[in-house]
C-alpha cells in the first residue's frame, strides 16, 4: 500500500479515536453534573427510581457511546474504501456471469 494512502488512513483513524475520547470526557463531565443537579432536586424518598431523571440521559447517551466505540475501535476497517471497492468488483463479476 502506498505510504501516502496509509498515512491518510492512519490519520483518519487517529482523528476518530480522538473524537471518541472527547465524547467520552464530555459524557463523564455532563453526567456527573447532572447527577449532582438531580441529587439537589430530590425530595423525600431517595429510593424511588422515578426521581432519578438523570439516568435516562446517562443510559441513552451511554448506549450511543458504546455504538460509537464499536464503530471506531472494532469495525474501523470493515467498511472503508477498500472494502467497498472489493464488494463493487464482486457485484460486477456476478453481473458478468
PDB file of N, CA and C in Angstrom:
ATOM      1  N   UNK A   1       0.841  -1.175   0.000  1.00  0.00           N
ATOM      2  CA  UNK A   1       0.000   0.000   0.000  1.00  0.00           C
ATOM      3  C   UNK A   1       0.891   1.243   0.000  1.00  0.00           C
ATOM      4  N   UNK A   2       0.503   2.209  -0.780  1.00  0.00           N
ATOM      5  CA  UNK A   2       1.236   3.467  -0.876  1.00  0.00           C
ATOM      6  C   UNK A   2       1.325   4.143   0.491  1.00  0.00           C
ATOM      7  N   UNK A   3       2.494   4.706   0.796  1.00  0.00           N
ATOM      8  CA  UNK A   3       2.719   5.344   2.107  1.00  0.00           C
ATOM      9  C   UNK A   3       1.763   6.507   2.351  1.00  0.00           C
ATOM     10  N   UNK A   4       1.472   7.267   1.309  1.00  0.00           N
ATOM     11  CA  UNK A   4       0.572   8.418   1.460  1.00  0.00           C
ATOM     12  C   UNK A   4      -0.844   7.959   1.810  1.00  0.00           C
ATOM     13  N   UNK A   5      -1.303   6.918   1.156  1.00  0.00           N
ATOM     14  CA  UNK A   5      -2.631   6.373   1.448  1.00  0.00           C
ATOM     15  C   UNK A   5      -2.664   5.812   2.861  1.00  0.00           C
ATOM     16  N   UNK A   6      -1.623   5.085   3.218  1.00  0.00           N
ATOM     17  CA  UNK A   6      -1.531   4.524   4.566  1.00  0.00           C
ATOM     18  C   UNK A   6      -1.542   5.634   5.617  1.00  0.00           C
ATOM     19  N   UNK A   7      -0.805   6.701   5.352  1.00  0.00           N
ATOM     20  CA  UNK A   7      -0.765   7.841   6.276  1.00  0.00           C
ATOM     21  C   UNK A   7      -2.152   8.463   6.431  1.00  0.00           C
ATOM     22  N   UNK A   8      -2.858   8.661   5.323  1.00  0.00           N
ATOM     23  CA  UNK A   8      -4.197   9.264   5.374  1.00  0.00           C
ATOM     24  C   UNK A   8      -5.172   8.390   6.157  1.00  0.00           C
ATOM     25  N   UNK A   9      -5.088   7.077   5.948  1.00  0.00           N
ATOM     26  CA  UNK A   9      -5.969   6.167   6.689  1.00  0.00           C
ATOM     27  C   UNK A   9      -5.650   6.188   8.182  1.00  0.00           C
ATOM     28  N   UNK A  10      -4.366   6.179   8.509  1.00  0.00           N
ATOM     29  CA  UNK A  10      -3.961   6.212   9.921  1.00  0.00           C
ATOM     30  C   UNK A  10      -4.384   7.526  10.568  1.00  0.00           C
ATOM     31  N   UNK A  11      -4.212   8.620   9.858  1.00  0.00           N
ATOM     32  CA  UNK A  11      -4.608   9.928  10.387  1.00  0.00           C
ATOM     33  C   UNK A  11      -6.112   9.988  10.612  1.00  0.00           C
ATOM     34  N   UNK A  12      -6.862   9.467   9.679  1.00  0.00           N
ATOM     35  CA  UNK A  12      -8.318   9.442   9.819  1.00  0.00           C
ATOM     36  C   UNK A  12      -8.738   8.624  11.039  1.00  0.00           C
ATOM     37  N   UNK A  13      -8.097   7.475  11.229  1.00  0.00           N
ATOM     38  CA  UNK A  13      -8.423   6.625  12.372  1.00  0.00           C
ATOM     39  C   UNK A  13      -8.060   7.307  13.688  1.00  0.00           C
ATOM     40  N   UNK A  14      -6.906   7.951  13.732  1.00  0.00           N
ATOM     41  CA  UNK A  14      -6.500   8.666  14.946  1.00  0.00           C
ATOM     42  C   UNK A  14      -7.481   9.797  15.243  1.00  0.00           C
ATOM     43  N   UNK A  15      -7.913  10.523  14.213  1.00  0.00           N
ATOM     44  CA  UNK A  15      -8.899  11.591  14.413  1.00  0.00           C
ATOM     45  C   UNK A  15     -10.209  11.048  14.978  1.00  0.00           C
ATOM     46  N   UNK A  16     -10.631   9.889  14.490  1.00  0.00           N
ATOM     47  CA  UNK A  16     -11.861   9.273  15.003  1.00  0.00           C
ATOM     48  C   UNK A  16     -11.699   8.862  16.461  1.00  0.00           C
ATOM     49  N   UNK A  17     -10.528   8.351  16.809  1.00  0.00           N
ATOM     50  CA  UNK A  17     -10.280   7.955  18.198  1.00  0.00           C
ATOM     51  C   UNK A  17     -10.250   9.172  19.115  1.00  0.00           C
ATOM     52  N   UNK A  18      -9.623  10.249  18.664  1.00  0.00           N
ATOM     53  CA  UNK A  18      -9.591  11.485  19.458  1.00  0.00           C
ATOM     54  C   UNK A  18     -11.009  12.001  19.667  1.00  0.00           C
ATOM     55  N   UNK A  19     -11.811  11.971  18.618  1.00  0.00           N
ATOM     56  CA  UNK A  19     -13.199  12.429  18.728  1.00  0.00           C
ATOM     57  C   UNK A  19     -13.970  11.567  19.730  1.00  0.00           C
ATOM     58  N   UNK A  20     -13.735  10.248  19.679  1.00  0.00           N
ATOM     59  CA  UNK A  20     -14.403   9.369  20.640  1.00  0.00           C
ATOM     60  C   UNK A  20     -14.032   9.745  22.063  1.00  0.00           C
ATOM     61  N   UNK A  21     -12.746   9.956  22.334  1.00  0.00           N
ATOM     62  CA  UNK A  21     -12.323  10.297  23.693  1.00  0.00           C
ATOM     63  C   UNK A  21     -12.889  11.640  24.135  1.00  0.00           C
ATOM     64  N   UNK A  22     -13.039  12.575  23.220  1.00  0.00           N
ATOM     65  CA  UNK A  22     -13.689  13.845  23.568  1.00  0.00           C
ATOM     66  C   UNK A  22     -15.138  13.605  23.967  1.00  0.00           C
ATOM     67  N   UNK A  23     -15.827  12.765  23.206  1.00  0.00           N
ATOM     68  CA  UNK A  23     -17.212  12.420  23.558  1.00  0.00           C
ATOM     69  C   UNK A  23     -17.268  11.752  24.928  1.00  0.00           C
ATOM     70  N   UNK A  24     -16.315  10.870  25.189  1.00  0.00           N
ATOM     71  CA  UNK A  24     -16.285  10.166  26.467  1.00  0.00           C
ATOM     72  C   UNK A  24     -16.072  11.134  27.625  1.00  0.00           C
ATOM     73  N   UNK A  25     -15.126  12.046  27.475  1.00  0.00           N
ATOM     74  CA  UNK A  25     -14.883  13.033  28.537  1.00  0.00           C
ATOM     75  C   UNK A  25     -16.116  13.905  28.750  1.00  0.00           C
ATOM     76  N   UNK A  26     -16.735  14.326  27.666  1.00  0.00           N
ATOM     77  CA  UNK A  26     -17.962  15.122  27.774  1.00  0.00           C
ATOM     78  C   UNK A  26     -19.062  14.350  28.472  1.00  0.00           C
ATOM     79  N   UNK A  27     -19.172  13.070  28.124  1.00  0.00           N
ATOM     80  CA  UNK A  27     -20.173  12.198  28.745  1.00  0.00           C
ATOM     81  C   UNK A  27     -19.974  12.140  30.256  1.00  0.00           C
ATOM     82  N   UNK A  28     -18.748  11.938  30.667  1.00  0.00           N
ATOM     83  CA  UNK A  28     -18.454  11.830  32.104  1.00  0.00           C
ATOM     84  C   UNK A  28     -18.738  13.149  32.815  1.00  0.00           C
ATOM     85  N   UNK A  29     -18.239  14.242  32.273  1.00  0.00           N
ATOM     86  CA  UNK A  29     -18.414  15.544  32.924  1.00  0.00           C
ATOM     87  C   UNK A  29     -19.886  15.932  33.006  1.00  0.00           C
ATOM     88  N   UNK A  30     -20.599  15.824  31.898  1.00  0.00           N
ATOM     89  CA  UNK A  30     -22.012  16.215  31.878  1.00  0.00           C
ATOM     90  C   UNK A  30     -22.831  15.341  32.811  1.00  0.00           C
ATOM     91  N   UNK A  31     -22.583  14.033  32.803  1.00  0.00           N
ATOM     92  CA  UNK A  31     -23.391  13.150  33.640  1.00  0.00           C
ATOM     93  C   UNK A  31     -23.090  13.303  35.126  1.00  0.00           C
ATOM     94  N   UNK A  32     -21.866  13.618  35.476  1.00  0.00           N
ATOM     95  CA  UNK A  32     -21.561  13.910  36.881  1.00  0.00           C
ATOM     96  C   UNK A  32     -22.304  15.178  37.308  1.00  0.00           C
ATOM     97  N   UNK A  33     -22.289  16.194  36.453  1.00  0.00           N
ATOM     98  CA  UNK A  33     -23.026  17.433  36.761  1.00  0.00           C
ATOM     99  C   UNK A  33     -24.522  17.163  36.882  1.00  0.00           C
ATOM    100  N   UNK A  34     -25.071  16.393  35.945  1.00  0.00           N
ATOM    101  CA  UNK A  34     -26.498  16.069  36.001  1.00  0.00           C
ATOM    102  C   UNK A  34     -26.843  15.282  37.260  1.00  0.00           C
ATOM    103  N   UNK A  35     -25.942  14.403  37.671  1.00  0.00           N
ATOM    104  CA  UNK A  35     -26.168  13.647  38.899  1.00  0.00           C
ATOM    105  C   UNK A  35     -26.318  14.590  40.088  1.00  0.00           C
ATOM    106  N   UNK A  36     -25.413  15.548  40.201  1.00  0.00           N
ATOM    107  CA  UNK A  36     -25.476  16.463  41.342  1.00  0.00           C
ATOM    108  C   UNK A  36     -26.679  17.404  41.255  1.00  0.00           C
ATOM    109  N   UNK A  37     -27.051  17.806  40.045  1.00  0.00           N
ATOM    110  CA  UNK A  37     -28.270  18.608  39.892  1.00  0.00           C
ATOM    111  C   UNK A  37     -29.474  17.792  40.320  1.00  0.00           C
ATOM    112  N   UNK A  38     -29.544  16.562  39.846  1.00  0.00           N
ATOM    113  CA  UNK A  38     -30.647  15.674  40.205  1.00  0.00           C
ATOM    114  C   UNK A  38     -30.675  15.414  41.706  1.00  0.00           C
ATOM    115  N   UNK A  39     -29.523  15.207  42.287  1.00  0.00           N
ATOM    116  CA  UNK A  39     -29.416  14.955  43.719  1.00  0.00           C
ATOM    117  C   UNK A  39     -29.938  16.142  44.528  1.00  0.00           C
ATOM    118  N   UNK A  40     -29.668  17.340  44.046  1.00  0.00           N
ATOM    119  CA  UNK A  40     -30.120  18.531  44.777  1.00  0.00           C
ATOM    120  C   UNK A  40     -31.628  18.740  44.677  1.00  0.00           C
ATOM    121  N   UNK A  41     -32.262  18.119  43.675  1.00  0.00           N
ATOM    122  CA  UNK A  41     -33.699  18.297  43.470  1.00  0.00           C
ATOM    123  C   UNK A  41     -34.548  17.231  44.146  1.00  0.00           C
ATOM    124  N   UNK A  42     -33.940  16.173  44.624  1.00  0.00           N
ATOM    125  CA  UNK A  42     -34.713  15.068  45.197  1.00  0.00           C
ATOM    126  C   UNK A  42     -35.253  15.459  46.561  1.00  0.00           C
ATOM    127  N   UNK A  43     -36.540  15.244  46.714  1.00  0.00           N
ATOM    128  CA  UNK A  43     -37.203  15.490  47.988  1.00  0.00           C
ATOM    129  C   UNK A  43     -37.892  14.201  48.412  1.00  0.00           C
ATOM    130  N   UNK A  44     -37.776  13.855  49.637  1.00  0.00           N
ATOM    131  CA  UNK A  44     -38.456  12.656  50.123  1.00  0.00           C
ATOM    132  C   UNK A  44     -37.604  11.416  49.990  1.00  0.00           C
ATOM    133  N   UNK A  45     -38.223  10.375  49.486  1.00  0.00           N
ATOM    134  CA  UNK A  45     -37.605   9.055  49.423  1.00  0.00           C
ATOM    135  C   UNK A  45     -36.594   8.964  48.277  1.00  0.00           C
ATOM    136  N   UNK A  46     -35.348   8.716  48.602  1.00  0.00           N
ATOM    137  CA  UNK A  46     -34.283   8.611  47.606  1.00  0.00           C
ATOM    138  C   UNK A  46     -34.340   7.305  46.818  1.00  0.00           C
ATOM    139  N   UNK A  47     -35.087   6.346  47.314  1.00  0.00           N
ATOM    140  CA  UNK A  47     -35.115   5.035  46.666  1.00  0.00           C
ATOM    141  C   UNK A  47     -36.126   4.967  45.532  1.00  0.00           C
ATOM    142  N   UNK A  48     -36.903   6.004  45.326  1.00  0.00           N
ATOM    143  CA  UNK A  48     -37.879   5.998  44.235  1.00  0.00           C
ATOM    144  C   UNK A  48     -37.160   6.293  42.925  1.00  0.00           C
ATOM    145  N   UNK A  49     -37.185   5.303  42.048  1.00  0.00           N
ATOM    146  CA  UNK A  49     -36.407   5.388  40.810  1.00  0.00           C
ATOM    147  C   UNK A  49     -36.861   6.534  39.910  1.00  0.00           C
ATOM    148  N   UNK A  50     -38.139   6.870  39.917  1.00  0.00           N
ATOM    149  CA  UNK A  50     -38.624   7.912  39.010  1.00  0.00           C
ATOM    150  C   UNK A  50     -38.044   9.290  39.328  1.00  0.00           C
ATOM    151  N   UNK A  51     -37.467   9.461  40.497  1.00  0.00           N
ATOM    152  CA  UNK A  51     -36.857  10.742  40.849  1.00  0.00           C
ATOM    153  C   UNK A  51     -35.458  10.902  40.253  1.00  0.00           C
ATOM    154  N   UNK A  52     -34.892   9.840  39.789  1.00  0.00           N
ATOM    155  CA  UNK A  52     -33.539   9.882  39.235  1.00  0.00           C
ATOM    156  C   UNK A  52     -33.598  10.067  37.713  1.00  0.00           C
ATOM    157  N   UNK A  53     -34.053  11.233  37.256  1.00  0.00           N
ATOM    158  CA  UNK A  53     -34.222  11.504  35.829  1.00  0.00           C
ATOM    159  C   UNK A  53     -32.899  11.516  35.061  1.00  0.00           C
ATOM    160  N   UNK A  54     -31.798  11.809  35.724  1.00  0.00           N
ATOM    161  CA  UNK A  54     -30.515  11.884  35.010  1.00  0.00           C
ATOM    162  C   UNK A  54     -30.117  10.523  34.436  1.00  0.00           C
ATOM    163  N   UNK A  55     -30.692   9.438  34.990  1.00  0.00           N
ATOM    164  CA  UNK A  55     -30.354   8.099  34.492  1.00  0.00           C
ATOM    165  C   UNK A  55     -30.769   7.909  33.031  1.00  0.00           C
ATOM    166  N   UNK A  56     -31.872   8.554  32.625  1.00  0.00           N
ATOM    167  CA  UNK A  56     -32.306   8.445  31.231  1.00  0.00           C
ATOM    168  C   UNK A  56     -31.229   8.989  30.296  1.00  0.00           C
ATOM    169  N   UNK A  57     -30.706  10.136  30.637  1.00  0.00           N
ATOM    170  CA  UNK A  57     -29.651  10.740  29.823  1.00  0.00           C
ATOM    171  C   UNK A  57     -28.414   9.848  29.828  1.00  0.00           C
ATOM    172  N   UNK A  58     -28.038   9.388  31.010  1.00  0.00           N
ATOM    173  CA  UNK A  58     -26.832   8.571  31.152  1.00  0.00           C
ATOM    174  C   UNK A  58     -26.939   7.277  30.349  1.00  0.00           C
ATOM    175  N   UNK A  59     -28.063   6.597  30.452  1.00  0.00           N
ATOM    176  CA  UNK A  59     -28.234   5.314  29.755  1.00  0.00           C
ATOM    177  C   UNK A  59     -28.300   5.506  28.242  1.00  0.00           C
ATOM    178  N   UNK A  60     -29.138   6.435  27.784  1.00  0.00           N
ATOM    179  CA  UNK A  60     -29.289   6.612  26.335  1.00  0.00           C
ATOM    180  C   UNK A  60     -27.998   7.115  25.689  1.00  0.00           C
ATOM    181  N   UNK A  61     -27.362   8.072  26.314  1.00  0.00           N
ATOM    182  CA  UNK A  61     -26.092   8.579  25.795  1.00  0.00           C
ATOM    183  C   UNK A  61     -25.025   7.489  25.875  1.00  0.00           C
ATOM    184  N   UNK A  62     -25.063   6.686  26.925  1.00  0.00           N
ATOM    185  CA  UNK A  62     -24.113   5.590  27.083  1.00  0.00           C
ATOM    186  C   UNK A  62     -24.255   4.541  25.995  1.00  0.00           C
ATOM    187  N   UNK A  63     -25.492   4.225  25.624  1.00  0.00           N
ATOM    188  CA  UNK A  63     -25.724   3.258  24.541  1.00  0.00           C
ATOM    189  C   UNK A  63     -25.142   3.800  23.237  1.00  0.00           C
ATOM    190  N   UNK A  64     -25.396   5.084  22.969  1.00  0.00           N
ATOM    191  CA  UNK A  64     -24.837   5.698  21.768  1.00  0.00           C
ATOM    192  C   UNK A  64     -23.309   5.649  21.803  1.00  0.00           C
ATOM    193  N   UNK A  65     -22.739   5.911  22.963  1.00  0.00           N
ATOM    194  CA  UNK A  65     -21.285   5.908  23.114  1.00  0.00           C
ATOM    195  C   UNK A  65     -20.709   4.510  22.868  1.00  0.00           C
ATOM    196  N   UNK A  66     -21.416   3.484  23.298  1.00  0.00           N
ATOM    197  CA  UNK A  66     -20.980   2.101  23.052  1.00  0.00           C
ATOM    198  C   UNK A  66     -20.958   1.812  21.549  1.00  0.00           C
ATOM    199  N   UNK A  67     -22.020   2.220  20.841  1.00  0.00           N
ATOM    200  CA  UNK A  67     -22.050   2.014  19.391  1.00  0.00           C
ATOM    201  C   UNK A  67     -20.919   2.784  18.702  1.00  0.00           C
ATOM    202  N   UNK A  68     -20.667   3.981  19.178  1.00  0.00           N
ATOM    203  CA  UNK A  68     -19.582   4.784  18.608  1.00  0.00           C
ATOM    204  C   UNK A  68     -18.229   4.106  18.863  1.00  0.00           C
ATOM    205  N   UNK A  69     -18.042   3.555  20.046  1.00  0.00           N
ATOM    206  CA  UNK A  69     -16.812   2.828  20.373  1.00  0.00           C
ATOM    207  C   UNK A  69     -16.621   1.648  19.411  1.00  0.00           C
ATOM    208  N   UNK A  70     -17.676   0.881  19.209  1.00  0.00           N
ATOM    209  CA  UNK A  70     -17.596  -0.281  18.317  1.00  0.00           C
ATOM    210  C   UNK A  70     -17.223   0.163  16.906  1.00  0.00           C
ATOM    211  N   UNK A  71     -17.839   1.244  16.447  1.00  0.00           N
ATOM    212  CA  UNK A  71     -17.550   1.744  15.103  1.00  0.00           C
ATOM    213  C   UNK A  71     -16.091   2.175  14.962  1.00  0.00           C
ATOM    214  N   UNK A  72     -15.565   2.847  15.975  1.00  0.00           N
ATOM    215  CA  UNK A  72     -14.208   3.396  15.886  1.00  0.00           C
ATOM    216  C   UNK A  72     -13.131   2.354  16.171  1.00  0.00           C
ATOM    217  N   UNK A  73     -13.323   1.527  17.187  1.00  0.00           N
ATOM    218  CA  UNK A  73     -12.252   0.636  17.629  1.00  0.00           C
ATOM    219  C   UNK A  73     -12.385  -0.804  17.128  1.00  0.00           C
ATOM    220  N   UNK A  74     -13.583  -1.234  16.790  1.00  0.00           N
ATOM    221  CA  UNK A  74     -13.775  -2.627  16.374  1.00  0.00           C
ATOM    222  C   UNK A  74     -13.982  -2.733  14.865  1.00  0.00           C
ATOM    223  N   UNK A  75     -14.867  -1.910  14.335  1.00  0.00           N
ATOM    224  CA  UNK A  75     -15.219  -2.013  12.919  1.00  0.00           C
ATOM    225  C   UNK A  75     -14.551  -0.950  12.053  1.00  0.00           C
ATOM    226  N   UNK A  76     -13.490  -0.342  12.533  1.00  0.00           N
ATOM    227  CA  UNK A  76     -12.893   0.796  11.839  1.00  0.00           C
ATOM    228  C   UNK A  76     -12.461   0.501  10.414  1.00  0.00           C
ATOM    229  N   UNK A  77     -12.082  -0.715  10.122  1.00  0.00           N
ATOM    230  CA  UNK A  77     -11.627  -1.020   8.764  1.00  0.00           C
ATOM    231  C   UNK A  77     -12.581  -1.942   8.017  1.00  0.00           C
ATOM    232  N   UNK A  78     -13.744  -2.177   8.576  1.00  0.00           N
ATOM    233  CA  UNK A  78     -14.683  -3.092   7.931  1.00  0.00           C
ATOM    234  C   UNK A  78     -15.333  -2.476   6.688  1.00  0.00           C
ATOM    235  N   UNK A  79     -15.651  -1.216   6.742  1.00  0.00           N
ATOM    236  CA  UNK A  79     -16.417  -0.592   5.669  1.00  0.00           C
ATOM    237  C   UNK A  79     -15.675   0.596   5.066  1.00  0.00           C
ATOM    238  N   UNK A  80     -14.385   0.440   4.876  1.00  0.00           N
ATOM    239  CA  UNK A  80     -13.602   1.523   4.288  1.00  0.00           C
ATOM    240  C   UNK A  80     -13.667   1.446   2.762  1.00  0.00           C
ATOM    241  N   UNK A  81     -12.919   2.306   2.100  1.00  0.00           N
ATOM    242  CA  UNK A  81     -12.953   2.372   0.635  1.00  0.00           C
ATOM    243  C   UNK A  81     -12.493   1.069  -0.012  1.00  0.00           C
ATOM    244  N   UNK A  82     -11.496   0.409   0.573  1.00  0.00           N
ATOM    245  CA  UNK A  82     -11.023  -0.863   0.014  1.00  0.00           C
ATOM    246  C   UNK A  82     -12.116  -1.920   0.069  1.00  0.00           C
ATOM    247  N   UNK A  83     -12.845  -1.962   1.178  1.00  0.00           N
ATOM    248  CA  UNK A  83     -13.933  -2.922   1.333  1.00  0.00           C
ATOM    249  C   UNK A  83     -15.004  -2.659   0.282  1.00  0.00           C
ATOM    250  N   UNK A  84     -15.347  -1.369   0.101  1.00  0.00           N
ATOM    251  CA  UNK A  84     -16.371  -1.016  -0.883  1.00  0.00           C
ATOM    252  C   UNK A  84     -15.924  -1.384  -2.294  1.00  0.00           C
ATOM    253  N   UNK A  85     -14.680  -1.121  -2.603  1.00  0.00           N
ATOM    254  CA  UNK A  85     -14.164  -1.448  -3.932  1.00  0.00           C
ATOM    255  C   UNK A  85     -14.199  -2.959  -4.170  1.00  0.00           C
ATOM    256  N   UNK A  86     -13.858  -3.730  -3.157  1.00  0.00           N
ATOM    257  CA  UNK A  86     -13.908  -5.192  -3.265  1.00  0.00           C
ATOM    258  C   UNK A  86     -15.336  -5.672  -3.520  1.00  0.00           C
ATOM    259  N   UNK A  87     -16.295  -5.108  -2.798  1.00  0.00           N
ATOM    260  CA  UNK A  87     -17.698  -5.502  -2.971  1.00  0.00           C
ATOM    261  C   UNK A  87     -18.214  -5.100  -4.351  1.00  0.00           C
ATOM    262  N   UNK A  88     -17.800  -3.940  -4.827  1.00  0.00           N
ATOM    263  CA  UNK A  88     -18.204  -3.500  -6.166  1.00  0.00           C
ATOM    264  C   UNK A  88     -17.668  -4.467  -7.214  1.00  0.00           C
ATOM    265  N   UNK A  89     -16.407  -4.871  -7.069  1.00  0.00           N
ATOM    266  CA  UNK A  89     -15.817  -5.822  -8.013  1.00  0.00           C
ATOM    267  C   UNK A  89     -16.551  -7.161  -7.987  1.00  0.00           C
ATOM    268  N   UNK A  90     -16.923  -7.622  -6.791  1.00  0.00           N
ATOM    269  CA  UNK A  90     -17.668  -8.884  -6.685  1.00  0.00           C
ATOM    270  C   UNK A  90     -19.022  -8.774  -7.372  1.00  0.00           C
ATOM    271  N   UNK A  91     -19.706  -7.659  -7.180  1.00  0.00           N
ATOM    272  CA  UNK A  91     -21.007  -7.466  -7.820  1.00  0.00           C
ATOM    273  C   UNK A  91     -20.860  -7.395  -9.339  1.00  0.00           C
ATOM    274  N   UNK A  92     -19.819  -6.742  -9.796  1.00  0.00           N
ATOM    275  CA  UNK A  92     -19.573  -6.669 -11.238  1.00  0.00           C
ATOM    276  C   UNK A  92     -19.277  -8.052 -11.805  1.00  0.00           C
ATOM    277  N   UNK A  93     -18.510  -8.854 -11.069  1.00  0.00           N
ATOM    278  CA  UNK A  93     -18.220 -10.218 -11.511  1.00  0.00           C
ATOM    279  C   UNK A  93     -19.493 -11.047 -11.596  1.00  0.00           C
ATOM    280  N   UNK A  94     -20.387 -10.881 -10.641  1.00  0.00           N
ATOM    281  CA  UNK A  94     -21.665 -11.603 -10.663  1.00  0.00           C
ATOM    282  C   UNK A  94     -22.489 -11.200 -11.882  1.00  0.00           C
ATOM    283  N   UNK A  95     -22.481  -9.925 -12.190  1.00  0.00           N
ATOM    284  CA  UNK A  95     -23.272  -9.422 -13.320  1.00  0.00           C
ATOM    285  C   UNK A  95     -22.727  -9.905 -14.652  1.00  0.00           C
ATOM    286  N   UNK A  96     -21.439 -10.150 -14.715  1.00  0.00           N
ATOM    287  CA  UNK A  96     -20.819 -10.612 -15.955  1.00  0.00           C
ATOM    288  C   UNK A  96     -21.162 -12.069 -16.256  1.00  0.00           C
ATOM    289  N   UNK A  97     -21.476 -12.848 -15.240  1.00  0.00           N
ATOM    290  CA  UNK A  97     -21.745 -14.284 -15.425  1.00  0.00           C
ATOM    291  C   UNK A  97     -23.104 -14.531 -15.994  1.00  0.00           C
TER     292      UNK A  97
END
